[in-house]
Amino acid sequence: MFKKFDSGEDVIGSQQLKGSVQKSIRAKLIEQFPLIEEFIEQILPKKENFKLLKCKDHLELI
């Protein structure tokens, strides 16, 4: 049912997301989960860059 994730084999490519995309991800998370707003800076710091990892089977991770 579940298989082990191996970053060496399963990740096909990665790219850095733009600042506007990062802002929209944060905004959508706060919209969907209002109680997360006070912790969003700890979870997703503004100064850190997001990376989009493209994996096998059309899976994308942030």
PDB file of N, CA and C in Angstrom:
ATOM      1  N   MET A   1       0.827  -1.181   0.000  1.00  0.00           N
ATOM      2  CA  MET A   1       0.000   0.000   0.000  1.00  0.00           C
ATOM      3  C   MET A   1       0.878   1.254   0.000  1.00  0.00           C
ATOM      4  N   PHE A   2       1.790   1.372   0.956  1.00  0.00           N
ATOM      5  CA  PHE A   2       2.697   2.507   1.015  1.00  0.00           C
ATOM      6  C   PHE A   2       4.093   2.037   0.639  1.00  0.00           C
ATOM      7  N   LYS A   3       4.846   2.907   0.003  1.00  0.00           N
ATOM      8  CA  LYS A   3       6.222   2.545  -0.287  1.00  0.00           C
ATOM      9  C   LYS A   3       7.142   3.612   0.276  1.00  0.00           C
ATOM     10  N   LYS A   4       8.354   3.216   0.559  1.00  0.00           N
ATOM     11  CA  LYS A   4       9.331   4.113   1.165  1.00  0.00           C
ATOM     12  C   LYS A   4       9.767   5.163   0.142  1.00  0.00           C
ATOM     13  N   PHE A   5       9.902   6.408   0.597  1.00  0.00           N
ATOM     14  CA  PHE A   5      10.319   7.507  -0.265  1.00  0.00           C
ATOM     15  C   PHE A   5      11.838   7.598  -0.235  1.00  0.00           C
ATOM     16  N   ASP A   6      12.461   7.549  -1.400  1.00  0.00           N
ATOM     17  CA  ASP A   6      13.910   7.670  -1.523  1.00  0.00           C
ATOM     18  C   ASP A   6      14.196   8.896  -2.384  1.00  0.00           C
ATOM     19  N   SER A   7      14.784   9.930  -1.784  1.00  0.00           N
ATOM     20  CA  SER A   7      14.993  11.182  -2.509  1.00  0.00           C
ATOM     21  C   SER A   7      15.938  11.005  -3.695  1.00  0.00           C
ATOM     22  N   GLY A   8      16.846  10.064  -3.621  1.00  0.00           N
ATOM     23  CA  GLY A   8      17.767   9.836  -4.731  1.00  0.00           C
ATOM     24  C   GLY A   8      17.084   9.265  -5.957  1.00  0.00           C
ATOM     25  N   GLU A   9      16.117   8.401  -5.753  1.00  0.00           N
ATOM     26  CA  GLU A   9      15.445   7.749  -6.872  1.00  0.00           C
ATOM     27  C   GLU A   9      14.143   8.435  -7.277  1.00  0.00           C
ATOM     28  N   ASP A  10      13.403   8.939  -6.315  1.00  0.00           N
ATOM     29  CA  ASP A  10      12.048   9.417  -6.585  1.00  0.00           C
ATOM     30  C   ASP A  10      11.968  10.872  -7.040  1.00  0.00           C
ATOM     31  N   VAL A  11      12.961  11.701  -6.724  1.00  0.00           N
ATOM     32  CA  VAL A  11      12.931  13.116  -7.111  1.00  0.00           C
ATOM     33  C   VAL A  11      13.526  13.259  -8.504  1.00  0.00           C
ATOM     34  N   ILE A  12      12.739  13.832  -9.408  1.00  0.00           N
ATOM     35  CA  ILE A  12      13.175  14.020 -10.791  1.00  0.00           C
ATOM     36  C   ILE A  12      13.858  15.377 -10.956  1.00  0.00           C
ATOM     37  N   GLY A  13      13.310  16.420 -10.343  1.00  0.00           N
ATOM     38  CA  GLY A  13      13.879  17.754 -10.463  1.00  0.00           C
ATOM     39  C   GLY A  13      13.348  18.670  -9.388  1.00  0.00           C
ATOM     40  N   SER A  14      14.000  19.833  -9.250  1.00  0.00           N
ATOM     41  CA  SER A  14      13.537  20.816  -8.269  1.00  0.00           C
ATOM     42  C   SER A  14      13.736  22.215  -8.828  1.00  0.00           C
ATOM     43  N   GLN A  15      12.917  23.143  -8.336  1.00  0.00           N
ATOM     44  CA  GLN A  15      13.048  24.542  -8.734  1.00  0.00           C
ATOM     45  C   GLN A  15      12.594  25.426  -7.586  1.00  0.00           C
ATOM     46  N   GLN A  16      13.167  26.629  -7.533  1.00  0.00           N
ATOM     47  CA  GLN A  16      12.803  27.588  -6.497  1.00  0.00           C
ATOM     48  C   GLN A  16      11.555  28.339  -6.937  1.00  0.00           C
ATOM     49  N   LEU A  17      10.626  28.535  -5.997  1.00  0.00           N
ATOM     50  CA  LEU A  17       9.385  29.240  -6.309  1.00  0.00           C
ATOM     51  C   LEU A  17       9.572  30.746  -6.174  1.00  0.00           C
ATOM     52  N   LYS A  18       8.828  31.497  -6.963  1.00  0.00           N
ATOM     53  CA  LYS A  18       8.861  32.958  -6.897  1.00  0.00           C
ATOM     54  C   LYS A  18       8.230  33.443  -5.600  1.00  0.00           C
ATOM     55  N   GLY A  19       8.575  34.658  -5.202  1.00  0.00           N
ATOM     56  CA  GLY A  19       8.037  35.250  -3.979  1.00  0.00           C
ATOM     57  C   GLY A  19       6.529  35.389  -4.006  1.00  0.00           C
ATOM     58  N   SER A  20       5.974  35.724  -5.164  1.00  0.00           N
ATOM     59  CA  SER A  20       4.518  35.879  -5.266  1.00  0.00           C
ATOM     60  C   SER A  20       3.804  34.543  -5.072  1.00  0.00           C
ATOM     61  N   VAL A  21       4.400  33.476  -5.549  1.00  0.00           N
ATOM     62  CA  VAL A  21       3.812  32.145  -5.373  1.00  0.00           C
ATOM     63  C   VAL A  21       3.882  31.749  -3.901  1.00  0.00           C
ATOM     64  N   GLN A  22       5.000  32.073  -3.252  1.00  0.00           N
ATOM     65  CA  GLN A  22       5.153  31.772  -1.829  1.00  0.00           C
ATOM     66  C   GLN A  22       4.111  32.517  -0.997  1.00  0.00           C
ATOM     67  N   LYS A  23       3.888  33.791  -1.330  1.00  0.00           N
ATOM     68  CA  LYS A  23       2.877  34.580  -0.617  1.00  0.00           C
ATOM     69  C   LYS A  23       1.482  33.992  -0.801  1.00  0.00           C
ATOM     70  N   SER A  24       1.184  33.558  -2.019  1.00  0.00           N
ATOM     71  CA  SER A  24      -0.148  33.002  -2.267  1.00  0.00           C
ATOM     72  C   SER A  24      -0.335  31.666  -1.543  1.00  0.00           C
ATOM     73  N   ILE A  25       0.717  30.877  -1.414  1.00  0.00           N
ATOM     74  CA  ILE A  25       0.623  29.617  -0.664  1.00  0.00           C
ATOM     75  C   ILE A  25       0.328  29.909   0.799  1.00  0.00           C
ATOM     76  N   ARG A  26       1.047  30.870   1.379  1.00  0.00           N
ATOM     77  CA  ARG A  26       0.800  31.259   2.779  1.00  0.00           C
ATOM     78  C   ARG A  26      -0.631  31.763   2.957  1.00  0.00           C
ATOM     79  N   ALA A  27      -1.077  32.622   2.023  1.00  0.00           N
ATOM     80  CA  ALA A  27      -2.424  33.191   2.120  1.00  0.00           C
ATOM     81  C   ALA A  27      -3.498  32.107   2.025  1.00  0.00           C
ATOM     82  N   LYS A  28      -3.311  31.146   1.141  1.00  0.00           N
ATOM     83  CA  LYS A  28      -4.291  30.062   0.998  1.00  0.00           C
ATOM     84  C   LYS A  28      -4.319  29.176   2.235  1.00  0.00           C
ATOM     85  N   LEU A  29      -3.154  28.933   2.827  1.00  0.00           N
ATOM     86  CA  LEU A  29      -3.115  28.144   4.063  1.00  0.00           C
ATOM     87  C   LEU A  29      -3.860  28.852   5.188  1.00  0.00           C
ATOM     88  N   ILE A  30      -3.649  30.162   5.317  1.00  0.00           N
ATOM     89  CA  ILE A  30      -4.331  30.935   6.361  1.00  0.00           C
ATOM     90  C   ILE A  30      -5.835  30.983   6.094  1.00  0.00           C
ATOM     91  N   GLU A  31      -6.210  31.075   4.825  1.00  0.00           N
ATOM     92  CA  GLU A  31      -7.633  31.090   4.471  1.00  0.00           C
ATOM     93  C   GLU A  31      -8.309  29.761   4.826  1.00  0.00           C
ATOM     94  N   GLN A  32      -7.630  28.661   4.545  1.00  0.00           N
ATOM     95  CA  GLN A  32      -8.211  27.343   4.817  1.00  0.00           C
ATOM     96  C   GLN A  32      -8.129  26.959   6.288  1.00  0.00           C
ATOM     97  N   PHE A  33      -7.066  27.402   6.965  1.00  0.00           N
ATOM     98  CA  PHE A  33      -6.853  27.062   8.374  1.00  0.00           C
ATOM     99  C   PHE A  33      -6.601  28.346   9.164  1.00  0.00           C
ATOM    100  N   PRO A  34      -7.636  29.081   9.551  1.00  0.00           N
ATOM    101  CA  PRO A  34      -7.469  30.387  10.201  1.00  0.00           C
ATOM    102  C   PRO A  34      -6.655  30.340  11.499  1.00  0.00           C
ATOM    103  N   LEU A  35      -6.719  29.260  12.233  1.00  0.00           N
ATOM    104  CA  LEU A  35      -5.989  29.176  13.501  1.00  0.00           C
ATOM    105  C   LEU A  35      -4.483  29.033  13.314  1.00  0.00           C
ATOM    106  N   ILE A  36      -4.044  28.767  12.113  1.00  0.00           N
ATOM    107  CA  ILE A  36      -2.620  28.589  11.844  1.00  0.00           C
ATOM    108  C   ILE A  36      -1.891  29.930  11.699  1.00  0.00           C
ATOM    109  N   GLU A  37      -2.653  31.019  11.612  1.00  0.00           N
ATOM    110  CA  GLU A  37      -2.066  32.328  11.319  1.00  0.00           C
ATOM    111  C   GLU A  37      -0.988  32.741  12.316  1.00  0.00           C
ATOM    112  N   GLU A  38      -1.188  32.459  13.585  1.00  0.00           N
ATOM    113  CA  GLU A  38      -0.191  32.870  14.577  1.00  0.00           C
ATOM    114  C   GLU A  38       1.076  32.012  14.529  1.00  0.00           C
ATOM    115  N   PHE A  39       1.025  30.867  13.859  1.00  0.00           N
ATOM    116  CA  PHE A  39       2.184  29.976  13.780  1.00  0.00           C
ATOM    117  C   PHE A  39       2.798  29.897  12.385  1.00  0.00           C
ATOM    118  N   ILE A  40       2.220  30.593  11.412  1.00  0.00           N
ATOM    119  CA  ILE A  40       2.653  30.462  10.026  1.00  0.00           C
ATOM    120  C   ILE A  40       4.108  30.887   9.842  1.00  0.00           C
ATOM    121  N   GLU A  41       4.568  31.874  10.580  1.00  0.00           N
ATOM    122  CA  GLU A  41       5.955  32.333  10.450  1.00  0.00           C
ATOM    123  C   GLU A  41       6.934  31.264  10.934  1.00  0.00           C
ATOM    124  N   GLN A  42       6.541  30.495  11.923  1.00  0.00           N
ATOM    125  CA  GLN A  42       7.401  29.412  12.411  1.00  0.00           C
ATOM    126  C   GLN A  42       7.404  28.235  11.439  1.00  0.00           C
ATOM    127  N   ILE A  43       6.266  27.979  10.821  1.00  0.00           N
ATOM    128  CA  ILE A  43       6.154  26.845   9.902  1.00  0.00           C
ATOM    129  C   ILE A  43       6.807  27.171   8.557  1.00  0.00           C
ATOM    130  N   LEU A  44       6.469  28.327   8.004  1.00  0.00           N
ATOM    131  CA  LEU A  44       6.989  28.751   6.705  1.00  0.00           C
ATOM    132  C   LEU A  44       7.573  30.159   6.828  1.00  0.00           C
ATOM    133  N   PRO A  45       8.836  30.295   7.248  1.00  0.00           N
ATOM    134  CA  PRO A  45       9.436  31.626   7.419  1.00  0.00           C
ATOM    135  C   PRO A  45       9.496  32.397   6.100  1.00  0.00           C
ATOM    136  N   LYS A  46       9.282  33.707   6.169  1.00  0.00           N
ATOM    137  CA  LYS A  46       9.279  34.537   4.965  1.00  0.00           C
ATOM    138  C   LYS A  46      10.661  34.611   4.321  1.00  0.00           C
ATOM    139  N   LYS A  47      11.714  34.547   5.118  1.00  0.00           N
ATOM    140  CA  LYS A  47      13.063  34.691   4.575  1.00  0.00           C
ATOM    141  C   LYS A  47      13.583  33.420   3.911  1.00  0.00           C
ATOM    142  N   GLU A  48      12.926  32.311   4.143  1.00  0.00           N
ATOM    143  CA  GLU A  48      13.333  31.050   3.520  1.00  0.00           C
ATOM    144  C   GLU A  48      12.676  30.918   2.150  1.00  0.00           C
ATOM    145  N   ASN A  49      13.398  30.346   1.220  1.00  0.00           N
ATOM    146  CA  ASN A  49      12.855  30.119  -0.118  1.00  0.00           C
ATOM    147  C   ASN A  49      12.220  28.739  -0.196  1.00  0.00           C
ATOM    148  N   PHE A  50      11.085  28.677  -0.888  1.00  0.00           N
ATOM    149  CA  PHE A  50      10.406  27.399  -1.089  1.00  0.00           C
ATOM    150  C   PHE A  50      11.009  26.727  -2.319  1.00  0.00           C
ATOM    151  N   LYS A  51      11.082  25.425  -2.270  1.00  0.00           N
ATOM    152  CA  LYS A  51      11.498  24.654  -3.438  1.00  0.00           C
ATOM    153  C   LYS A  51      10.373  23.709  -3.812  1.00  0.00           C
ATOM    154  N   LEU A  52      10.148  23.579  -5.082  1.00  0.00           N
ATOM    155  CA  LEU A  52       9.157  22.649  -5.605  1.00  0.00           C
ATOM    156  C   LEU A  52       9.913  21.427  -6.103  1.00  0.00           C
ATOM    157  N   LEU A  53       9.643  20.279  -5.488  1.00  0.00           N
ATOM    158  CA  LEU A  53      10.277  19.029  -5.891  1.00  0.00           C
ATOM    159  C   LEU A  53       9.314  18.256  -6.776  1.00  0.00           C
ATOM    160  N   LYS A  54       9.771  17.912  -7.951  1.00  0.00           N
ATOM    161  CA  LYS A  54       8.951  17.114  -8.864  1.00  0.00           C
ATOM    162  C   LYS A  54       9.407  15.668  -8.747  1.00  0.00           C
ATOM    163  N   CYS A  55       8.443  14.799  -8.464  1.00  0.00           N
ATOM    164  CA  CYS A  55       8.736  13.390  -8.217  1.00  0.00           C
ATOM    165  C   CYS A  55       8.054  12.520  -9.265  1.00  0.00           C
ATOM    166  N   LYS A  56       8.321  11.231  -9.159  1.00  0.00           N
ATOM    167  CA  LYS A  56       7.684  10.265 -10.055  1.00  0.00           C
ATOM    168  C   LYS A  56       6.174  10.274  -9.846  1.00  0.00           C
ATOM    169  N   ASP A  57       5.465   9.744 -10.804  1.00  0.00           N
ATOM    170  CA  ASP A  57       4.008   9.607 -10.749  1.00  0.00           C
ATOM    171  C   ASP A  57       3.290  10.945 -10.615  1.00  0.00           C
ATOM    172  N   HIS A  58       3.840  12.016 -11.208  1.00  0.00           N
ATOM    173  CA  HIS A  58       3.225  13.345 -11.240  1.00  0.00           C
ATOM    174  C   HIS A  58       2.965  13.907  -9.842  1.00  0.00           C
ATOM    175  N   LEU A  59       3.879  13.686  -8.926  1.00  0.00           N
ATOM    176  CA  LEU A  59       3.757  14.164  -7.553  1.00  0.00           C
ATOM    177  C   LEU A  59       4.663  15.370  -7.375  1.00  0.00           C
ATOM    178  N   GLU A  60       4.138  16.447  -6.771  1.00  0.00           N
ATOM    179  CA  GLU A  60       4.926  17.646  -6.503  1.00  0.00           C
ATOM    180  C   GLU A  60       4.868  17.963  -5.015  1.00  0.00           C
ATOM    181  N   LEU A  61       6.032  18.251  -4.428  1.00  0.00           N
ATOM    182  CA  LEU A  61       6.143  18.580  -3.008  1.00  0.00           C
ATOM    183  C   LEU A  61       6.733  19.968  -2.857  1.00  0.00           C
ATOM    184  N   ILE A  62       6.317  20.689  -1.824  1.00  0.00           N
ATOM    185  CA  ILE A  62       6.885  22.011  -1.537  1.00  0.00           C
ATOM    186  C   ILE A  62       7.773  21.868  -0.326  1.00  0.00           C
TER     187      ILE A  62
END
